[in-house]
Amino acid sequence: MTDRDPDAHSIPDSDPQAARMPEVLRLSTALAEQMLASQIMGRSISGDQLAALVGAARLLQHNNVPWPPLVHEVVQELADRMDAAGPQADGAA
């Protein structure tokens, strides 16, 4: 590469996954917005949506990337609801 900006390619070269974190941030925020809108309109949140948001949050955490505020809010709210539901959330429907 050129010597224009020595830091410009340091993240992608050393960790290709880190280069994708901005996209993970964007998509996780969009998913959290969609989930919040579903809650506001009284719609249920699918297991796939929940799994995707939790997976994105874990990926961000694994890469030491702070969660976007909306992602944190939705994950916390869902965790609180699951705690309130108690043992029924374990699949005993």
N, C-alpha and C. Protein backbone atom coordinates (compact mmCIF):
# COMPACT_ATOMS: atom_id res chain seq x y z
N MET A 1 0.84 -1.18 0.00
CA MET A 1 0.00 0.00 0.00
C MET A 1 0.88 1.25 0.00
N THR A 2 0.27 2.39 -0.05
CA THR A 2 1.01 3.64 -0.03
C THR A 2 1.19 4.12 1.39
N ASP A 3 1.97 5.18 1.56
CA ASP A 3 2.20 5.71 2.89
C ASP A 3 1.32 6.92 3.18
N ARG A 4 0.17 7.02 2.52
CA ARG A 4 -0.74 8.14 2.75
C ARG A 4 -1.26 8.16 4.17
N ASP A 5 -1.77 7.05 4.65
CA ASP A 5 -2.33 6.97 6.00
C ASP A 5 -1.95 5.61 6.57
N PRO A 6 -0.99 5.58 7.48
CA PRO A 6 -0.52 4.29 7.98
C PRO A 6 -1.59 3.50 8.73
N ASP A 7 -2.61 4.16 9.26
CA ASP A 7 -3.65 3.46 10.00
C ASP A 7 -4.84 3.07 9.13
N ALA A 8 -4.87 3.50 7.89
CA ALA A 8 -6.06 3.31 7.05
C ALA A 8 -6.41 1.84 6.85
N HIS A 9 -5.42 0.98 6.78
CA HIS A 9 -5.70 -0.43 6.52
C HIS A 9 -5.27 -1.34 7.66
N SER A 10 -4.94 -0.78 8.80
CA SER A 10 -4.44 -1.61 9.89
C SER A 10 -5.50 -2.54 10.44
N ILE A 11 -6.72 -2.09 10.56
CA ILE A 11 -7.77 -2.95 11.10
C ILE A 11 -8.13 -4.05 10.12
N PRO A 12 -8.45 -3.74 8.87
CA PRO A 12 -8.81 -4.83 7.96
C PRO A 12 -7.69 -5.84 7.76
N ASP A 13 -6.43 -5.39 7.69
CA ASP A 13 -5.33 -6.31 7.48
C ASP A 13 -5.12 -7.22 8.68
N SER A 14 -5.27 -6.68 9.89
CA SER A 14 -5.02 -7.48 11.07
C SER A 14 -6.23 -8.29 11.50
N ASP A 15 -7.41 -7.81 11.24
CA ASP A 15 -8.63 -8.51 11.66
C ASP A 15 -9.76 -8.17 10.70
N PRO A 16 -9.98 -9.02 9.70
CA PRO A 16 -11.04 -8.73 8.72
C PRO A 16 -12.42 -8.59 9.36
N GLN A 17 -12.65 -9.31 10.46
CA GLN A 17 -13.95 -9.23 11.12
C GLN A 17 -14.17 -7.83 11.70
N ALA A 18 -13.13 -7.20 12.21
CA ALA A 18 -13.26 -5.86 12.79
C ALA A 18 -13.68 -4.85 11.73
N ALA A 19 -13.28 -5.07 10.50
CA ALA A 19 -13.65 -4.15 9.42
C ALA A 19 -15.15 -4.17 9.15
N ARG A 20 -15.82 -5.23 9.57
CA ARG A 20 -17.26 -5.37 9.32
C ARG A 20 -18.10 -4.83 10.47
N MET A 21 -17.48 -4.38 11.53
CA MET A 21 -18.24 -3.92 12.69
C MET A 21 -19.16 -2.74 12.38
N PRO A 22 -18.77 -1.79 11.54
CA PRO A 22 -19.73 -0.72 11.22
C PRO A 22 -21.02 -1.25 10.60
N GLU A 23 -20.91 -2.27 9.77
CA GLU A 23 -22.11 -2.87 9.16
C GLU A 23 -22.92 -3.62 10.21
N VAL A 24 -22.25 -4.31 11.13
CA VAL A 24 -22.95 -4.99 12.22
C VAL A 24 -23.68 -3.97 13.08
N LEU A 25 -23.04 -2.85 13.36
CA LEU A 25 -23.69 -1.78 14.13
C LEU A 25 -24.94 -1.27 13.41
N ARG A 26 -24.81 -1.03 12.12
CA ARG A 26 -25.94 -0.51 11.34
C ARG A 26 -27.10 -1.51 11.32
N LEU A 27 -26.79 -2.76 11.04
CA LEU A 27 -27.84 -3.77 10.94
C LEU A 27 -28.48 -4.08 12.30
N SER A 28 -27.67 -4.12 13.35
CA SER A 28 -28.24 -4.40 14.67
C SER A 28 -29.14 -3.26 15.13
N THR A 29 -28.76 -2.03 14.80
CA THR A 29 -29.62 -0.89 15.14
C THR A 29 -30.92 -0.94 14.36
N ALA A 30 -30.84 -1.28 13.07
CA ALA A 30 -32.05 -1.38 12.25
C ALA A 30 -32.97 -2.48 12.78
N LEU A 31 -32.39 -3.61 13.18
CA LEU A 31 -33.19 -4.70 13.73
C LEU A 31 -33.82 -4.30 15.05
N ALA A 32 -33.07 -3.61 15.90
CA ALA A 32 -33.62 -3.15 17.18
C ALA A 32 -34.76 -2.17 16.95
N GLU A 33 -34.62 -1.29 15.96
CA GLU A 33 -35.71 -0.36 15.62
C GLU A 33 -36.96 -1.13 15.20
N GLN A 34 -36.77 -2.14 14.36
CA GLN A 34 -37.89 -2.95 13.88
C GLN A 34 -38.56 -3.69 15.04
N MET A 35 -37.77 -4.22 15.95
CA MET A 35 -38.32 -4.94 17.09
C MET A 35 -39.07 -4.00 18.03
N LEU A 36 -38.53 -2.82 18.24
CA LEU A 36 -39.20 -1.83 19.09
C LEU A 36 -40.52 -1.41 18.46
N ALA A 37 -40.54 -1.20 17.15
CA ALA A 37 -41.78 -0.85 16.46
C ALA A 37 -42.81 -1.96 16.60
N SER A 38 -42.36 -3.21 16.50
CA SER A 38 -43.28 -4.34 16.68
C SER A 38 -43.88 -4.34 18.07
N GLN A 39 -43.06 -4.08 19.07
CA GLN A 39 -43.56 -4.03 20.45
C GLN A 39 -44.58 -2.91 20.62
N ILE A 40 -44.30 -1.76 20.06
CA ILE A 40 -45.20 -0.61 20.18
C ILE A 40 -46.54 -0.92 19.54
N MET A 41 -46.51 -1.64 18.41
CA MET A 41 -47.75 -1.95 17.70
C MET A 41 -48.41 -3.22 18.21
N GLY A 42 -47.87 -3.81 19.26
CA GLY A 42 -48.48 -4.99 19.85
C GLY A 42 -48.22 -6.28 19.11
N ARG A 43 -47.26 -6.28 18.21
CA ARG A 43 -46.91 -7.50 17.48
C ARG A 43 -45.87 -8.29 18.26
N SER A 44 -45.85 -9.57 18.02
CA SER A 44 -44.85 -10.40 18.70
C SER A 44 -43.51 -10.29 17.97
N ILE A 45 -42.48 -10.59 18.71
CA ILE A 45 -41.13 -10.59 18.15
C ILE A 45 -40.76 -12.05 17.89
N SER A 46 -40.31 -12.33 16.69
CA SER A 46 -40.00 -13.73 16.35
C SER A 46 -38.72 -14.19 17.04
N GLY A 47 -38.63 -15.49 17.19
CA GLY A 47 -37.42 -16.07 17.75
C GLY A 47 -36.20 -15.79 16.88
N ASP A 48 -36.42 -15.73 15.57
CA ASP A 48 -35.31 -15.43 14.66
C ASP A 48 -34.79 -14.02 14.87
N GLN A 49 -35.71 -13.06 15.08
CA GLN A 49 -35.29 -11.69 15.35
C GLN A 49 -34.49 -11.61 16.65
N LEU A 50 -35.01 -12.26 17.67
CA LEU A 50 -34.33 -12.26 18.96
C LEU A 50 -32.94 -12.88 18.85
N ALA A 51 -32.86 -14.02 18.18
CA ALA A 51 -31.57 -14.70 18.01
C ALA A 51 -30.59 -13.84 17.22
N ALA A 52 -31.08 -13.16 16.19
CA ALA A 52 -30.21 -12.31 15.38
C ALA A 52 -29.68 -11.13 16.19
N LEU A 53 -30.55 -10.51 16.98
CA LEU A 53 -30.10 -9.36 17.77
C LEU A 53 -29.12 -9.78 18.85
N VAL A 54 -29.40 -10.88 19.52
CA VAL A 54 -28.49 -11.37 20.56
C VAL A 54 -27.16 -11.78 19.93
N GLY A 55 -27.21 -12.42 18.77
CA GLY A 55 -25.98 -12.81 18.09
C GLY A 55 -25.14 -11.60 17.69
N ALA A 56 -25.80 -10.57 17.19
CA ALA A 56 -25.08 -9.35 16.82
C ALA A 56 -24.48 -8.69 18.06
N ALA A 57 -25.25 -8.65 19.15
CA ALA A 57 -24.76 -8.05 20.39
C ALA A 57 -23.54 -8.81 20.90
N ARG A 58 -23.58 -10.13 20.82
CA ARG A 58 -22.43 -10.93 21.26
C ARG A 58 -21.22 -10.68 20.38
N LEU A 59 -21.44 -10.59 19.07
CA LEU A 59 -20.35 -10.32 18.14
C LEU A 59 -19.71 -8.97 18.44
N LEU A 60 -20.54 -7.96 18.68
CA LEU A 60 -20.01 -6.64 19.02
C LEU A 60 -19.21 -6.71 20.32
N GLN A 61 -19.77 -7.37 21.31
CA GLN A 61 -19.09 -7.49 22.60
C GLN A 61 -17.76 -8.23 22.45
N HIS A 62 -17.75 -9.29 21.66
CA HIS A 62 -16.54 -10.07 21.43
C HIS A 62 -15.44 -9.22 20.79
N ASN A 63 -15.85 -8.24 19.99
CA ASN A 63 -14.90 -7.36 19.31
C ASN A 63 -14.69 -6.05 20.05
N ASN A 64 -15.14 -5.99 21.30
CA ASN A 64 -14.98 -4.80 22.15
C ASN A 64 -15.58 -3.55 21.53
N VAL A 65 -16.72 -3.73 20.86
CA VAL A 65 -17.44 -2.61 20.26
C VAL A 65 -18.67 -2.34 21.13
N PRO A 66 -18.81 -1.13 21.64
CA PRO A 66 -19.99 -0.84 22.47
C PRO A 66 -21.28 -1.00 21.68
N TRP A 67 -22.30 -1.50 22.38
CA TRP A 67 -23.60 -1.64 21.75
C TRP A 67 -24.21 -0.28 21.48
N PRO A 68 -24.89 -0.13 20.35
CA PRO A 68 -25.65 1.10 20.13
C PRO A 68 -26.72 1.23 21.22
N PRO A 69 -27.06 2.45 21.62
CA PRO A 69 -28.03 2.63 22.70
C PRO A 69 -29.35 1.89 22.47
N LEU A 70 -29.87 1.90 21.27
CA LEU A 70 -31.14 1.23 21.00
C LEU A 70 -31.01 -0.29 21.13
N VAL A 71 -29.90 -0.83 20.71
CA VAL A 71 -29.67 -2.28 20.86
C VAL A 71 -29.64 -2.62 22.34
N HIS A 72 -28.92 -1.82 23.12
CA HIS A 72 -28.84 -2.05 24.56
C HIS A 72 -30.24 -1.99 25.18
N GLU A 73 -31.02 -0.99 24.79
CA GLU A 73 -32.37 -0.82 25.34
C GLU A 73 -33.25 -2.03 25.03
N VAL A 74 -33.25 -2.48 23.79
CA VAL A 74 -34.12 -3.59 23.39
C VAL A 74 -33.66 -4.89 24.04
N VAL A 75 -32.36 -5.15 24.07
CA VAL A 75 -31.86 -6.37 24.70
C VAL A 75 -32.20 -6.37 26.18
N GLN A 76 -32.01 -5.23 26.85
CA GLN A 76 -32.31 -5.15 28.28
C GLN A 76 -33.80 -5.37 28.54
N GLU A 77 -34.64 -4.75 27.72
CA GLU A 77 -36.08 -4.91 27.89
C GLU A 77 -36.51 -6.36 27.68
N LEU A 78 -35.96 -7.00 26.67
CA LEU A 78 -36.30 -8.41 26.42
C LEU A 78 -35.79 -9.30 27.55
N ALA A 79 -34.60 -9.02 28.06
CA ALA A 79 -34.07 -9.80 29.18
C ALA A 79 -34.94 -9.63 30.41
N ASP A 80 -35.39 -8.40 30.67
CA ASP A 80 -36.28 -8.16 31.80
C ASP A 80 -37.58 -8.93 31.65
N ARG A 81 -38.13 -8.94 30.44
CA ARG A 81 -39.38 -9.68 30.20
C ARG A 81 -39.18 -11.18 30.39
N MET A 82 -38.05 -11.69 29.95
CA MET A 82 -37.78 -13.12 30.10
C MET A 82 -37.60 -13.47 31.58
N ASP A 83 -36.93 -12.59 32.33
CA ASP A 83 -36.78 -12.82 33.77
C ASP A 83 -38.13 -12.82 34.47
N ALA A 84 -39.00 -11.90 34.06
CA ALA A 84 -40.32 -11.81 34.67
C ALA A 84 -41.18 -13.03 34.33
N ALA A 85 -40.95 -13.61 33.15
CA ALA A 85 -41.72 -14.79 32.74
C ALA A 85 -41.32 -16.02 33.53
N GLY A 86 -40.11 -16.02 34.05
CA GLY A 86 -39.66 -17.13 34.88
C GLY A 86 -39.40 -18.39 34.10
N PRO A 87 -39.62 -19.55 34.74
CA PRO A 87 -39.30 -20.84 34.12
C PRO A 87 -40.08 -21.14 32.85
N GLN A 88 -41.19 -20.48 32.62
CA GLN A 88 -41.97 -20.74 31.41
C GLN A 88 -41.18 -20.40 30.16
N ALA A 89 -40.22 -19.49 30.25
CA ALA A 89 -39.42 -19.09 29.10
C ALA A 89 -38.47 -20.20 28.65
N ASP A 90 -38.35 -21.28 29.44
CA ASP A 90 -37.45 -22.37 29.08
C ASP A 90 -38.03 -23.32 28.05
N GLY A 91 -39.20 -23.02 27.54
CA GLY A 91 -39.79 -23.84 26.49
C GLY A 91 -41.00 -24.63 26.95
N ALA A 92 -41.37 -24.50 28.20
CA ALA A 92 -42.57 -25.19 28.69
C ALA A 92 -43.79 -24.37 28.36
N ALA A 93 -44.23 -24.49 27.12
CA ALA A 93 -45.34 -23.64 26.67
C ALA A 93 -46.64 -24.34 26.81
